[in-house]
Amino acid sequence: MLLRPGVTCEKAIRFLDDLVQGGLNDVRNSVPNFAQPMLAGVEPSKLAGPDLVVTLRQYTEWTATTARQLADVFADPAVPARLRGEHYSHIVHSPLTPYRTALLLHWELDELATYFMELQNQMRQTVEEYRSYRQRVLVVDANTLLHCQRFDKIPWSRVCGKGPATLVIPHVVVEEIDTKSYSEGSEKIRKRARGVYELLGDVLKGLSTEGRFELHDGTEVQVLRDELGHRRLPNNDDEAVARAAHLQQAIAPRQITVITRDNGMRGKAMTWCLPWGFPPDKYLIPEDGFGAKHREANLASISVDVLEDGDDT
C-alpha cells in the first residue's frame, strides 16, 4: 500500500484509527433504528422524518471530507474512491424506504470500518516484515549494478555513510538484470548483466536457505520482493523508486538512500522526498568514462566557443 510522500505507515495507521473511532462512528451512531420495515413504494422523504434526512446529509458530508483526507494520505486512488462507490450511490439516490435506507447505511458503515481496519493490519504487517532492516538502508538500481565493480566487493556500510547498513535490491531490478543478460543490444552490457546475474543468484540462494545474506564488510543484502498481487508501474525506474518509497514509509524513522548515478532516478527519488547517493568514483568501471576525472573531457565535448558580439539573434 503506497502512501503519499512524507507519510509513514505509523502515521497512516493512526489516521485510520482516528477515522474509524471518530467521524465514521459518529455517522453510524446517528443512523435511526426502525422497529419494522415501512410500506414499500412510499417515498422515503415522506416517512423518514428529520432524523434520517439529517443522517444522510451528515453521511454525504463525511464521505466528501474523508475522501479528501484519504487522498492526502494514500497514493492509491482506490482508497478514497471506496467511500463514494456503488454502495454510496445506492444509499443516497435510490428511492428506498426509510427502513431499507437505514439498514444499508448500517451495513455500509460496518463494511467501511472493516475495510479501514484491514488496511491498518496490512500496514502493521509491512512494518513488522522490515523490522530487521538496519538503521541505514541503501536501495540500488540496475545502473549501479552495471557500472560499478561487482557489488559484493564494495564496502557499502563504509563508503555510503557510516555504520552498518542493509543493501536492498528491488525485485524489478533483479528482473531487469535478468532481461539485460540476454536481450541487451550492447554485448558489453550483456556480459556485465550475466556477471551480476550470477551474484544475484548467490544472494537469492542465501536468502532462501539461511534467511539472510551478508557481504564481507558486514553489509546485509535483501531483495525487496513484490507482495502477492502487487501491480507494477509500467516503467522500471518508476517502479524501483516507488518500492524504495514504500520501504521508507514502512521503516521510518530509519533512513532510505537511493544509490544511483542515473539523473532520471535521482529526480524520481526527489519526487518521493528520498535522498540519493553513490559510492566513490574508484568503484566505477573506468572504461565507461564517468566520474570526476572524466568530467572536464565530457563537458568539453558539448562546449563551443562563442564570440560575444552582442547579437543573439
C-alpha atoms as a PDB file:
ATOM      1  CA  MET A   1       0.000   0.000   0.000  1.00  0.00           C
ATOM      2  CA  LEU A   2       1.786   3.127  -1.258  1.00  0.00           C
ATOM      3  CA  LEU A   3       1.320   6.332   0.712  1.00  0.00           C
ATOM      4  CA  ARG A   4       1.909   9.964  -0.231  1.00  0.00           C
ATOM      5  CA  PRO A   5       5.472  11.332   0.004  1.00  0.00           C
ATOM      6  CA  GLY A   6       6.347  12.107   3.600  1.00  0.00           C
ATOM      7  CA  VAL A   7       3.574   9.935   5.070  1.00  0.00           C
ATOM      8  CA  THR A   8       4.687   6.906   7.098  1.00  0.00           C
ATOM      9  CA  CYS A   9       2.834   3.678   7.826  1.00  0.00           C
ATOM     10  CA  GLU A  10       2.668   4.585  11.510  1.00  0.00           C
ATOM     11  CA  LYS A  11       1.059   7.932  10.682  1.00  0.00           C
ATOM     12  CA  ALA A  12      -1.442   6.291   8.304  1.00  0.00           C
ATOM     13  CA  ILE A  13      -2.352   3.686  10.937  1.00  0.00           C
ATOM     14  CA  ARG A  14      -3.086   6.420  13.489  1.00  0.00           C
ATOM     15  CA  PHE A  15      -5.111   8.363  10.907  1.00  0.00           C
ATOM     16  CA  LEU A  16      -7.293   5.340  10.114  1.00  0.00           C
ATOM     17  CA  ASP A  17      -7.779   4.611  13.794  1.00  0.00           C
ATOM     18  CA  ASP A  18      -8.972   8.178  14.405  1.00  0.00           C
ATOM     19  CA  LEU A  19     -11.197   7.954  11.316  1.00  0.00           C
ATOM     20  CA  VAL A  20     -12.972   4.790  12.478  1.00  0.00           C
ATOM     21  CA  GLN A  21     -13.264   5.837  16.118  1.00  0.00           C
ATOM     22  CA  GLY A  22     -14.244   9.402  15.233  1.00  0.00           C
ATOM     23  CA  GLY A  23     -16.197  10.502  12.159  1.00  0.00           C
ATOM     24  CA  LEU A  24     -17.300   7.061  10.992  1.00  0.00           C
ATOM     25  CA  ASN A  25     -18.538   6.125  14.444  1.00  0.00           C
ATOM     26  CA  ASP A  26     -20.381   9.448  14.756  1.00  0.00           C
ATOM     27  CA  VAL A  27     -22.261   8.854  11.491  1.00  0.00           C
ATOM     28  CA  ARG A  28     -23.041   5.270  12.466  1.00  0.00           C
ATOM     29  CA  ASN A  29     -24.445   6.372  15.830  1.00  0.00           C
ATOM     30  CA  SER A  30     -26.695   8.934  14.129  1.00  0.00           C
ATOM     31  CA  VAL A  31     -28.492   6.363  11.953  1.00  0.00           C
ATOM     32  CA  PRO A  32     -32.032   5.916  13.354  1.00  0.00           C
ATOM     33  CA  ASN A  33     -33.280   2.416  14.121  1.00  0.00           C
ATOM     34  CA  PHE A  34     -36.636   1.319  12.734  1.00  0.00           C
ATOM     35  CA  ALA A  35     -38.501  -1.455  14.507  1.00  0.00           C
ATOM     36  CA  GLN A  36     -40.030  -2.772  11.290  1.00  0.00           C
ATOM     37  CA  PRO A  37     -39.973  -2.048   7.543  1.00  0.00           C
ATOM     38  CA  MET A  38     -42.053   0.848   6.282  1.00  0.00           C
ATOM     39  CA  LEU A  39     -44.546   0.371   3.462  1.00  0.00           C
ATOM     40  CA  ALA A  40     -42.903  -0.480   0.153  1.00  0.00           C
ATOM     41  CA  GLY A  41     -43.334   2.030  -2.620  1.00  0.00           C
ATOM     42  CA  VAL A  42     -43.693   5.079  -0.363  1.00  0.00           C
ATOM     43  CA  GLU A  43     -41.120   7.812  -0.912  1.00  0.00           C
ATOM     44  CA  PRO A  44     -38.553   7.908   1.934  1.00  0.00           C
ATOM     45  CA  SER A  45     -38.827  11.662   2.256  1.00  0.00           C
ATOM     46  CA  LYS A  46     -42.479  11.318   3.303  1.00  0.00           C
ATOM     47  CA  LEU A  47     -41.851   8.846   6.101  1.00  0.00           C
ATOM     48  CA  ALA A  48     -38.245   9.220   7.199  1.00  0.00           C
ATOM     49  CA  GLY A  49     -38.709  12.213   9.394  1.00  0.00           C
ATOM     50  CA  PRO A  50     -35.913  14.663  10.185  1.00  0.00           C
ATOM     51  CA  ASP A  51     -33.542  12.139  11.782  1.00  0.00           C
ATOM     52  CA  LEU A  52     -32.781  10.111   8.655  1.00  0.00           C
ATOM     53  CA  VAL A  53     -32.598  13.228   6.485  1.00  0.00           C
ATOM     54  CA  VAL A  54     -30.020  14.701   8.858  1.00  0.00           C
ATOM     55  CA  THR A  55     -28.098  11.419   8.895  1.00  0.00           C
ATOM     56  CA  LEU A  56     -27.971  11.248   5.092  1.00  0.00           C
ATOM     57  CA  ARG A  57     -26.685  14.823   4.957  1.00  0.00           C
ATOM     58  CA  GLN A  58     -24.076  14.006   7.607  1.00  0.00           C
ATOM     59  CA  TYR A  59     -23.099  10.831   5.715  1.00  0.00           C
ATOM     60  CA  THR A  60     -22.726  12.767   2.450  1.00  0.00           C
ATOM     61  CA  GLU A  61     -20.603  15.493   4.046  1.00  0.00           C
ATOM     62  CA  TRP A  62     -18.481  12.960   5.941  1.00  0.00           C
ATOM     63  CA  THR A  63     -17.702  10.906   2.817  1.00  0.00           C
ATOM     64  CA  ALA A  64     -16.718  14.049   0.886  1.00  0.00           C
ATOM     65  CA  THR A  65     -14.420  15.345   3.627  1.00  0.00           C
ATOM     66  CA  THR A  66     -12.919  11.955   4.437  1.00  0.00           C
ATOM     67  CA  ALA A  67     -12.260  11.151   0.772  1.00  0.00           C
ATOM     68  CA  ARG A  68     -10.150  14.319   0.503  1.00  0.00           C
ATOM     69  CA  GLN A  69      -8.272  13.405   3.686  1.00  0.00           C
ATOM     70  CA  LEU A  70      -7.641   9.860   2.464  1.00  0.00           C
ATOM     71  CA  ALA A  71      -6.309  11.224  -0.844  1.00  0.00           C
ATOM     72  CA  ASP A  72      -3.760  13.235   1.153  1.00  0.00           C
ATOM     73  CA  VAL A  73      -2.549  10.059   2.884  1.00  0.00           C
ATOM     74  CA  PHE A  74      -2.834   7.268   0.289  1.00  0.00           C
ATOM     75  CA  ALA A  75      -1.302   7.401  -3.201  1.00  0.00           C
ATOM     76  CA  ASP A  76      -3.670   4.649  -4.377  1.00  0.00           C
ATOM     77  CA  PRO A  77      -6.863   6.383  -5.650  1.00  0.00           C
ATOM     78  CA  ALA A  78      -8.889   3.244  -4.892  1.00  0.00           C
ATOM     79  CA  VAL A  79      -8.787   4.015  -1.162  1.00  0.00           C
ATOM     80  CA  PRO A  80     -10.695   7.345  -1.196  1.00  0.00           C
ATOM     81  CA  ALA A  81     -12.870   6.044  -4.054  1.00  0.00           C
ATOM     82  CA  ARG A  82     -14.188   3.301  -1.755  1.00  0.00           C
ATOM     83  CA  LEU A  83     -16.217   5.916   0.147  1.00  0.00           C
ATOM     84  CA  ARG A  84     -18.281   7.025  -2.836  1.00  0.00           C
ATOM     85  CA  GLY A  85     -18.713   3.906  -4.888  1.00  0.00           C
ATOM     86  CA  GLU A  86     -21.760   1.902  -5.874  1.00  0.00           C
ATOM     87  CA  HIS A  87     -22.956   1.469  -2.287  1.00  0.00           C
ATOM     88  CA  TYR A  88     -22.913   5.225  -1.685  1.00  0.00           C
ATOM     89  CA  SER A  89     -24.935   5.928  -4.843  1.00  0.00           C
ATOM     90  CA  HIS A  90     -27.486   3.283  -3.931  1.00  0.00           C
ATOM     91  CA  ILE A  91     -27.979   4.688  -0.430  1.00  0.00           C
ATOM     92  CA  VAL A  92     -28.192   8.350  -1.422  1.00  0.00           C
ATOM     93  CA  HIS A  93     -30.005   8.232  -4.769  1.00  0.00           C
ATOM     94  CA  SER A  94     -32.240   5.135  -4.781  1.00  0.00           C
ATOM     95  CA  PRO A  95     -35.941   5.539  -3.799  1.00  0.00           C
ATOM     96  CA  LEU A  96     -35.753   3.231  -0.788  1.00  0.00           C
ATOM     97  CA  THR A  97     -37.966   3.013   2.284  1.00  0.00           C
ATOM     98  CA  PRO A  98     -36.520   4.611   5.434  1.00  0.00           C
ATOM     99  CA  TYR A  99     -36.057   1.156   6.970  1.00  0.00           C
ATOM    100  CA  ARG A 100     -34.097  -0.048   3.945  1.00  0.00           C
ATOM    101  CA  THR A 101     -32.029   3.138   3.772  1.00  0.00           C
ATOM    102  CA  ALA A 102     -31.097   2.911   7.453  1.00  0.00           C
ATOM    103  CA  LEU A 103     -30.275  -0.783   7.092  1.00  0.00           C
ATOM    104  CA  LEU A 104     -27.989  -0.159   4.107  1.00  0.00           C
ATOM    105  CA  LEU A 105     -26.295   2.689   5.967  1.00  0.00           C
ATOM    106  CA  HIS A 106     -25.523   0.389   8.886  1.00  0.00           C
ATOM    107  CA  TRP A 107     -24.166  -2.294   6.540  1.00  0.00           C
ATOM    108  CA  GLU A 108     -22.060   0.146   4.533  1.00  0.00           C
ATOM    109  CA  LEU A 109     -20.555   1.841   7.582  1.00  0.00           C
ATOM    110  CA  ASP A 110     -19.758  -1.542   9.130  1.00  0.00           C
ATOM    111  CA  GLU A 111     -18.065  -2.611   5.888  1.00  0.00           C
ATOM    112  CA  LEU A 112     -16.078   0.632   5.771  1.00  0.00           C
ATOM    113  CA  ALA A 113     -14.912   0.122   9.354  1.00  0.00           C
ATOM    114  CA  THR A 114     -13.779  -3.405   8.445  1.00  0.00           C
ATOM    115  CA  TYR A 115     -12.064  -2.145   5.271  1.00  0.00           C
ATOM    116  CA  PHE A 116     -10.096   0.511   7.145  1.00  0.00           C
ATOM    117  CA  MET A 117      -9.108  -1.908   9.907  1.00  0.00           C
ATOM    118  CA  GLU A 118      -7.852  -4.364   7.271  1.00  0.00           C
ATOM    119  CA  LEU A 119      -5.744  -1.561   5.769  1.00  0.00           C
ATOM    120  CA  GLN A 120      -4.292  -0.936   9.217  1.00  0.00           C
ATOM    121  CA  ASN A 121      -3.453  -4.614   9.622  1.00  0.00           C
ATOM    122  CA  GLN A 122      -1.763  -4.704   6.201  1.00  0.00           C
ATOM    123  CA  MET A 123       0.439  -1.776   7.169  1.00  0.00           C
ATOM    124  CA  ARG A 124       1.247  -3.282  10.564  1.00  0.00           C
ATOM    125  CA  GLN A 125       2.346  -6.485   8.805  1.00  0.00           C
ATOM    126  CA  THR A 126       4.505  -4.426   6.436  1.00  0.00           C
ATOM    127  CA  VAL A 127       6.173  -2.597   9.327  1.00  0.00           C
ATOM    128  CA  GLU A 128       6.861  -5.909  11.055  1.00  0.00           C
ATOM    129  CA  GLU A 129       8.238  -7.503   7.876  1.00  0.00           C
ATOM    130  CA  TYR A 130      11.015  -4.901   7.617  1.00  0.00           C
ATOM    131  CA  ARG A 131      11.734  -4.548  11.317  1.00  0.00           C
ATOM    132  CA  SER A 132      15.089  -6.356  10.976  1.00  0.00           C
ATOM    133  CA  TYR A 133      16.438  -3.816   8.466  1.00  0.00           C
ATOM    134  CA  ARG A 134      19.280  -1.751   9.850  1.00  0.00           C
ATOM    135  CA  GLN A 135      19.309   1.930  10.691  1.00  0.00           C
ATOM    136  CA  ARG A 136      20.579   2.822   7.214  1.00  0.00           C
ATOM    137  CA  VAL A 137      19.088   1.236   4.085  1.00  0.00           C
ATOM    138  CA  LEU A 138      20.691   1.584   0.636  1.00  0.00           C
ATOM    139  CA  VAL A 139      18.467   0.836  -2.370  1.00  0.00           C
ATOM    140  CA  VAL A 140      20.413   0.181  -5.587  1.00  0.00           C
ATOM    141  CA  ASP A 141      19.246   0.319  -9.195  1.00  0.00           C
ATOM    142  CA  ALA A 142      20.385  -1.541 -12.329  1.00  0.00           C
ATOM    143  CA  ASN A 143      22.605   1.387 -13.347  1.00  0.00           C
ATOM    144  CA  THR A 144      24.645   0.985 -10.158  1.00  0.00           C
ATOM    145  CA  LEU A 145      24.956  -2.779 -10.518  1.00  0.00           C
ATOM    146  CA  LEU A 146      26.121  -2.488 -14.144  1.00  0.00           C
ATOM    147  CA  HIS A 147      28.504   0.484 -13.947  1.00  0.00           C
ATOM    148  CA  CYS A 148      30.272  -0.259 -10.649  1.00  0.00           C
ATOM    149  CA  GLN A 149      32.568  -3.145  -9.886  1.00  0.00           C
ATOM    150  CA  ARG A 150      30.846  -6.289  -8.556  1.00  0.00           C
ATOM    151  CA  PHE A 151      28.599  -5.238  -5.732  1.00  0.00           C
ATOM    152  CA  ASP A 152      29.777  -7.944  -3.336  1.00  0.00           C
ATOM    153  CA  LYS A 153      33.252  -6.334  -3.286  1.00  0.00           C
ATOM    154  CA  ILE A 154      32.121  -2.818  -2.345  1.00  0.00           C
ATOM    155  CA  PRO A 155      32.187  -1.993   1.420  1.00  0.00           C
ATOM    156  CA  TRP A 156      28.763  -0.340   1.327  1.00  0.00           C
ATOM    157  CA  SER A 157      28.457   0.272   5.056  1.00  0.00           C
ATOM    158  CA  ARG A 158      31.666   2.331   4.990  1.00  0.00           C
ATOM    159  CA  VAL A 159      31.597   4.160   1.649  1.00  0.00           C
ATOM    160  CA  CYS A 160      27.895   5.158   1.668  1.00  0.00           C
ATOM    161  CA  GLY A 161      27.627   6.759   5.084  1.00  0.00           C
ATOM    162  CA  LYS A 162      28.750   5.437   8.429  1.00  0.00           C
ATOM    163  CA  GLY A 163      27.668   2.376  10.344  1.00  0.00           C
ATOM    164  CA  PRO A 164      26.045  -0.956   9.467  1.00  0.00           C
ATOM    165  CA  ALA A 165      23.685  -0.843   6.508  1.00  0.00           C
ATOM    166  CA  THR A 166      21.234  -3.029   4.643  1.00  0.00           C
ATOM    167  CA  LEU A 167      21.712  -3.122   0.862  1.00  0.00           C
ATOM    168  CA  VAL A 168      18.344  -3.577  -0.845  1.00  0.00           C
ATOM    169  CA  ILE A 169      17.781  -4.722  -4.428  1.00  0.00           C
ATOM    170  CA  PRO A 170      14.169  -4.239  -5.607  1.00  0.00           C
ATOM    171  CA  HIS A 171      12.557  -7.237  -7.306  1.00  0.00           C
ATOM    172  CA  VAL A 172      12.105  -5.259 -10.523  1.00  0.00           C
ATOM    173  CA  VAL A 173      15.872  -4.603 -10.638  1.00  0.00           C
ATOM    174  CA  VAL A 174      16.590  -8.329 -10.322  1.00  0.00           C
ATOM    175  CA  GLU A 175      14.344  -8.979 -13.321  1.00  0.00           C
ATOM    176  CA  GLU A 176      15.821  -6.035 -15.246  1.00  0.00           C
ATOM    177  CA  ILE A 177      19.303  -7.538 -14.857  1.00  0.00           C
ATOM    178  CA  ASP A 178      17.943 -10.920 -15.937  1.00  0.00           C
ATOM    179  CA  THR A 179      16.468  -9.369 -19.095  1.00  0.00           C
ATOM    180  CA  LYS A 180      19.617  -7.412 -19.942  1.00  0.00           C
ATOM    181  CA  SER A 181      21.717 -10.585 -19.628  1.00  0.00           C
ATOM    182  CA  TYR A 182      20.248 -11.942 -22.864  1.00  0.00           C
ATOM    183  CA  SER A 183      18.398  -9.153 -24.702  1.00  0.00           C
ATOM    184  CA  GLU A 184      20.535  -6.013 -24.247  1.00  0.00           C
ATOM    185  CA  GLY A 185      21.798  -4.590 -27.550  1.00  0.00           C
ATOM    186  CA  SER A 186      25.324  -3.981 -26.245  1.00  0.00           C
ATOM    187  CA  GLU A 187      27.464  -7.102 -25.836  1.00  0.00           C
ATOM    188  CA  LYS A 188      29.446  -5.276 -23.134  1.00  0.00           C
ATOM    189  CA  ILE A 189      26.330  -4.670 -21.033  1.00  0.00           C
ATOM    190  CA  ARG A 190      25.008  -8.171 -21.711  1.00  0.00           C
ATOM    191  CA  LYS A 191      28.232  -9.636 -20.370  1.00  0.00           C
ATOM    192  CA  ARG A 192      28.143  -7.444 -17.262  1.00  0.00           C
ATOM    193  CA  ALA A 193      24.497  -8.307 -16.673  1.00  0.00           C
ATOM    194  CA  ARG A 194      25.388 -12.009 -16.759  1.00  0.00           C
ATOM    195  CA  GLY A 195      28.013 -11.384 -14.083  1.00  0.00           C
ATOM    196  CA  VAL A 196      25.535  -9.513 -11.886  1.00  0.00           C
ATOM    197  CA  TYR A 197      23.006 -12.275 -12.587  1.00  0.00           C
ATOM    198  CA  GLU A 198      25.408 -14.817 -11.066  1.00  0.00           C
ATOM    199  CA  LEU A 199      25.901 -12.688  -7.943  1.00  0.00           C
ATOM    200  CA  LEU A 200      22.164 -12.189  -7.531  1.00  0.00           C
ATOM    201  CA  GLY A 201      21.729 -15.948  -7.744  1.00  0.00           C
ATOM    202  CA  ASP A 202      24.062 -16.296  -4.755  1.00  0.00           C
ATOM    203  CA  VAL A 203      22.048 -13.704  -2.828  1.00  0.00           C
ATOM    204  CA  LEU A 204      18.719 -15.382  -3.573  1.00  0.00           C
ATOM    205  CA  LYS A 205      20.115 -18.783  -2.618  1.00  0.00           C
ATOM    206  CA  GLY A 206      21.422 -17.434   0.694  1.00  0.00           C
ATOM    207  CA  LEU A 207      18.129 -15.705   1.487  1.00  0.00           C
ATOM    208  CA  SER A 208      16.209 -18.856   0.599  1.00  0.00           C
ATOM    209  CA  THR A 209      18.292 -21.312   2.633  1.00  0.00           C
ATOM    210  CA  GLU A 210      19.555 -19.220   5.549  1.00  0.00           C
ATOM    211  CA  GLY A 211      17.162 -16.271   5.601  1.00  0.00           C
ATOM    212  CA  ARG A 212      19.985 -13.743   5.261  1.00  0.00           C
ATOM    213  CA  PHE A 213      22.972 -12.821   3.091  1.00  0.00           C
ATOM    214  CA  GLU A 214      25.936 -10.794   4.314  1.00  0.00           C
ATOM    215  CA  LEU A 215      28.854  -9.233   2.417  1.00  0.00           C
ATOM    216  CA  HIS A 216      32.499  -9.253   3.539  1.00  0.00           C
ATOM    217  CA  ASP A 217      32.174  -5.899   5.333  1.00  0.00           C
ATOM    218  CA  GLY A 218      29.086  -6.984   7.275  1.00  0.00           C
ATOM    219  CA  THR A 219      26.557  -5.273   4.992  1.00  0.00           C
ATOM    220  CA  GLU A 220      23.324  -7.243   4.844  1.00  0.00           C
ATOM    221  CA  VAL A 221      21.734  -7.781   1.428  1.00  0.00           C
ATOM    222  CA  GLN A 222      17.994  -8.086   0.909  1.00  0.00           C
ATOM    223  CA  VAL A 223      15.827  -8.464  -2.181  1.00  0.00           C
ATOM    224  CA  LEU A 224      12.711  -6.313  -1.863  1.00  0.00           C
ATOM    225  CA  ARG A 225      10.271  -8.879  -3.199  1.00  0.00           C
ATOM    226  CA  ASP A 226       6.871  -7.994  -4.637  1.00  0.00           C
ATOM    227  CA  GLU A 227       3.893  -8.918  -2.495  1.00  0.00           C
ATOM    228  CA  LEU A 228       1.332 -11.330  -3.924  1.00  0.00           C
ATOM    229  CA  GLY A 229      -0.994  -9.381  -6.199  1.00  0.00           C
ATOM    230  CA  HIS A 230       1.348  -6.377  -6.425  1.00  0.00           C
ATOM    231  CA  ARG A 231       0.772  -4.361  -9.607  1.00  0.00           C
ATOM    232  CA  ARG A 232       3.931  -2.826 -11.004  1.00  0.00           C
ATOM    233  CA  LEU A 233       4.262   0.545 -12.658  1.00  0.00           C
ATOM    234  CA  PRO A 234       4.983   0.367 -16.420  1.00  0.00           C
ATOM    235  CA  ASN A 235       8.436   1.972 -16.158  1.00  0.00           C
ATOM    236  CA  ASN A 236      11.177   0.051 -14.301  1.00  0.00           C
ATOM    237  CA  ASP A 237      12.755   3.176 -12.790  1.00  0.00           C
ATOM    238  CA  ASP A 238       9.376   4.432 -11.558  1.00  0.00           C
ATOM    239  CA  GLU A 239       8.714   1.025 -10.023  1.00  0.00           C
ATOM    240  CA  ALA A 240      12.119   0.817  -8.316  1.00  0.00           C
ATOM    241  CA  VAL A 241      11.741   4.264  -6.731  1.00  0.00           C
ATOM    242  CA  ALA A 242       8.130   3.579  -5.725  1.00  0.00           C
ATOM    243  CA  ARG A 243       9.276   0.408  -3.962  1.00  0.00           C
ATOM    244  CA  ALA A 244      12.007   2.390  -2.211  1.00  0.00           C
ATOM    245  CA  ALA A 245       9.355   4.903  -1.117  1.00  0.00           C
ATOM    246  CA  HIS A 246       7.145   2.054   0.116  1.00  0.00           C
ATOM    247  CA  LEU A 247      10.063   0.747   2.154  1.00  0.00           C
ATOM    248  CA  GLN A 248      10.836   4.208   3.574  1.00  0.00           C
ATOM    249  CA  GLN A 249       7.228   4.601   4.685  1.00  0.00           C
ATOM    250  CA  ALA A 250       7.407   1.256   6.493  1.00  0.00           C
ATOM    251  CA  ILE A 251      10.753   1.641   8.278  1.00  0.00           C
ATOM    252  CA  ALA A 252      10.718   5.334   9.278  1.00  0.00           C
ATOM    253  CA  PRO A 253      12.453   6.922  11.157  1.00  0.00           C
ATOM    254  CA  ARG A 254      15.229   4.728   9.733  1.00  0.00           C
ATOM    255  CA  GLN A 255      16.525   6.309   6.532  1.00  0.00           C
ATOM    256  CA  ILE A 256      16.478   5.089   2.933  1.00  0.00           C
ATOM    257  CA  THR A 257      19.083   6.319   0.416  1.00  0.00           C
ATOM    258  CA  VAL A 258      18.676   5.570  -3.291  1.00  0.00           C
ATOM    259  CA  ILE A 259      22.084   4.614  -4.714  1.00  0.00           C
ATOM    260  CA  THR A 260      22.299   5.673  -8.373  1.00  0.00           C
ATOM    261  CA  ARG A 261      24.219   7.749 -10.897  1.00  0.00           C
ATOM    262  CA  ASP A 262      21.175   7.908 -13.165  1.00  0.00           C
ATOM    263  CA  ASN A 263      19.887  11.503 -13.110  1.00  0.00           C
ATOM    264  CA  GLY A 264      16.400  10.322 -14.032  1.00  0.00           C
ATOM    265  CA  MET A 265      16.369   8.064 -10.991  1.00  0.00           C
ATOM    266  CA  ARG A 266      17.685  10.886  -8.826  1.00  0.00           C
ATOM    267  CA  GLY A 267      14.847  13.140  -9.957  1.00  0.00           C
ATOM    268  CA  LYS A 268      12.277  10.447  -9.243  1.00  0.00           C
ATOM    269  CA  ALA A 269      13.792   9.899  -5.789  1.00  0.00           C
ATOM    270  CA  MET A 270      13.485  13.618  -5.054  1.00  0.00           C
ATOM    271  CA  THR A 271       9.789  13.488  -6.040  1.00  0.00           C
ATOM    272  CA  TRP A 272       9.313  10.971  -3.232  1.00  0.00           C
ATOM    273  CA  CYS A 273      11.480  13.009  -0.816  1.00  0.00           C
ATOM    274  CA  LEU A 274      14.166  10.298  -0.837  1.00  0.00           C
ATOM    275  CA  PRO A 275      17.867  11.234  -0.632  1.00  0.00           C
ATOM    276  CA  TRP A 276      20.258   9.734  -3.163  1.00  0.00           C
ATOM    277  CA  GLY A 277      23.966   8.950  -3.124  1.00  0.00           C
ATOM    278  CA  PHE A 278      26.689   6.922  -4.815  1.00  0.00           C
ATOM    279  CA  PRO A 279      29.955   5.166  -3.892  1.00  0.00           C
ATOM    280  CA  PRO A 280      33.276   6.964  -4.541  1.00  0.00           C
ATOM    281  CA  ASP A 281      34.470   7.125  -8.158  1.00  0.00           C
ATOM    282  CA  LYS A 282      37.122   4.467  -7.553  1.00  0.00           C
ATOM    283  CA  TYR A 283      34.380   1.834  -7.606  1.00  0.00           C
ATOM    284  CA  LEU A 284      33.218   2.858 -11.090  1.00  0.00           C
ATOM    285  CA  ILE A 285      34.248   0.746 -14.080  1.00  0.00           C
ATOM    286  CA  PRO A 286      36.910   3.020 -15.708  1.00  0.00           C
ATOM    287  CA  GLU A 287      36.083   2.342 -19.362  1.00  0.00           C
ATOM    288  CA  ASP A 288      32.600   3.865 -19.013  1.00  0.00           C
ATOM    289  CA  GLY A 289      34.041   7.380 -18.778  1.00  0.00           C
ATOM    290  CA  PHE A 290      32.134   8.502 -15.684  1.00  0.00           C
ATOM    291  CA  GLY A 291      33.432  10.201 -12.552  1.00  0.00           C
ATOM    292  CA  ALA A 292      35.332  13.372 -11.652  1.00  0.00           C
ATOM    293  CA  LYS A 293      38.424  12.645 -13.745  1.00  0.00           C
ATOM    294  CA  HIS A 294      36.288  12.392 -16.882  1.00  0.00           C
ATOM    295  CA  ARG A 295      34.146  15.427 -16.071  1.00  0.00           C
ATOM    296  CA  GLU A 296      36.213  18.031 -17.932  1.00  0.00           C
ATOM    297  CA  ALA A 297      36.518  15.874 -21.032  1.00  0.00           C
ATOM    298  CA  ASN A 298      32.794  15.165 -21.011  1.00  0.00           C
ATOM    299  CA  LEU A 299      31.972  18.859 -20.612  1.00  0.00           C
ATOM    300  CA  ALA A 300      34.433  19.763 -23.355  1.00  0.00           C
ATOM    301  CA  SER A 301      32.509  17.539 -25.757  1.00  0.00           C
ATOM    302  CA  ILE A 302      29.490  19.866 -25.511  1.00  0.00           C
ATOM    303  CA  SER A 303      31.378  23.177 -25.227  1.00  0.00           C
ATOM    304  CA  VAL A 304      31.540  25.644 -28.117  1.00  0.00           C
ATOM    305  CA  ASP A 305      33.490  28.922 -28.285  1.00  0.00           C
ATOM    306  CA  VAL A 306      31.028  31.711 -28.993  1.00  0.00           C
ATOM    307  CA  LEU A 307      32.104  35.243 -29.911  1.00  0.00           C
ATOM    308  CA  GLU A 308      30.447  37.884 -27.731  1.00  0.00           C
ATOM    309  CA  ASP A 309      29.313  40.297 -30.471  1.00  0.00           C
ATOM    310  CA  GLY A 310      26.104  41.383 -28.743  1.00  0.00           C
ATOM    311  CA  ASP A 311      23.901  39.835 -31.421  1.00  0.00           C
ATOM    312  CA  ASP A 312      21.986  36.823 -30.053  1.00  0.00           C
ATOM    313  CA  THR A 313      19.523  36.578 -32.935  1.00  0.00           C
END
